[in-house]
Amino acid sequence: MAANVGGIDKILRIVAGAGLIGATAAGLLPVWGYIGVVPLATGLMGWCPAYTLFGIKTCSTK
């Protein structure tokens, strides 16, 4: 699992995921809001399986 998620992409994924989870926990969204676990996890890991399938890479190459 080589990293394929870059810096800004990571930040956006973490913020969006945490926002969805927080809004669901606060009762602002129905239970589907827990799907925020997916962008949160991919942002924290730095690897996205969908990016691998489509050959996308937002991180810098070394």
Protein backbone atom coordinates (compact mmCIF):
# COMPACT_ATOMS: atom_id res chain seq x y z
CA MET A 1 0.00 0.00 0.00
CA ALA A 2 2.01 2.92 -1.30
CA ALA A 3 0.73 6.37 -0.35
CA ASN A 4 -1.44 7.96 -3.01
CA VAL A 5 -3.18 10.74 -1.04
CA GLY A 6 -1.39 14.09 -0.81
CA GLY A 7 -1.28 16.77 1.90
CA ILE A 8 -4.26 18.98 1.05
CA ASP A 9 -6.28 15.94 0.02
CA LYS A 10 -5.56 14.35 3.42
CA ILE A 11 -6.66 17.47 5.29
CA LEU A 12 -9.90 17.76 3.29
CA ARG A 13 -10.70 14.08 3.83
CA ILE A 14 -10.06 14.26 7.58
CA VAL A 15 -12.13 17.44 8.00
CA ALA A 16 -15.02 16.13 5.88
CA GLY A 17 -15.02 12.74 7.61
CA ALA A 18 -14.89 14.24 11.09
CA GLY A 19 -17.61 16.72 10.13
CA LEU A 20 -19.95 14.00 8.91
CA ILE A 21 -19.37 11.88 11.99
CA GLY A 22 -19.77 14.86 14.30
CA ALA A 23 -22.98 16.01 12.63
CA THR A 24 -24.40 12.50 12.87
CA ALA A 25 -23.42 12.16 16.52
CA ALA A 26 -25.07 15.54 17.22
CA GLY A 27 -28.29 14.36 15.56
CA LEU A 28 -28.07 16.74 12.59
CA LEU A 29 -27.74 13.92 10.06
CA PRO A 30 -29.31 10.46 9.97
CA VAL A 31 -27.25 7.33 10.48
CA TRP A 32 -25.85 7.44 6.90
CA GLY A 33 -23.57 10.25 8.10
CA TYR A 34 -21.31 7.64 9.67
CA ILE A 35 -20.03 7.03 6.13
CA GLY A 36 -17.61 9.77 7.18
CA VAL A 37 -15.49 6.95 8.59
CA VAL A 38 -14.34 6.20 5.03
CA PRO A 39 -12.78 9.59 4.16
CA LEU A 40 -11.46 9.89 7.71
CA ALA A 41 -9.70 6.52 7.50
CA THR A 42 -8.30 7.10 4.01
CA GLY A 43 -7.06 10.53 5.06
CA LEU A 44 -5.34 9.17 8.14
CA MET A 45 -3.80 6.23 6.25
CA GLY A 46 -2.75 8.29 3.23
CA TRP A 47 -4.01 5.57 0.89
CA CYS A 48 -7.27 5.39 -1.06
CA PRO A 49 -8.32 2.14 -2.78
CA ALA A 50 -10.40 4.05 -5.37
CA TYR A 51 -7.35 6.13 -6.31
CA THR A 52 -5.44 2.88 -6.86
CA LEU A 53 -8.15 1.54 -9.18
CA PHE A 54 -8.19 4.71 -11.29
CA GLY A 55 -4.43 5.36 -11.19
CA ILE A 56 -4.79 8.69 -9.39
CA LYS A 57 -2.04 10.00 -7.13
CA THR A 58 -2.28 13.36 -5.33
CA CYS A 59 0.92 13.00 -3.32
CA SER A 60 4.32 14.04 -4.52
CA THR A 61 6.52 11.33 -5.97
CA LYS A 62 9.90 10.69 -4.42
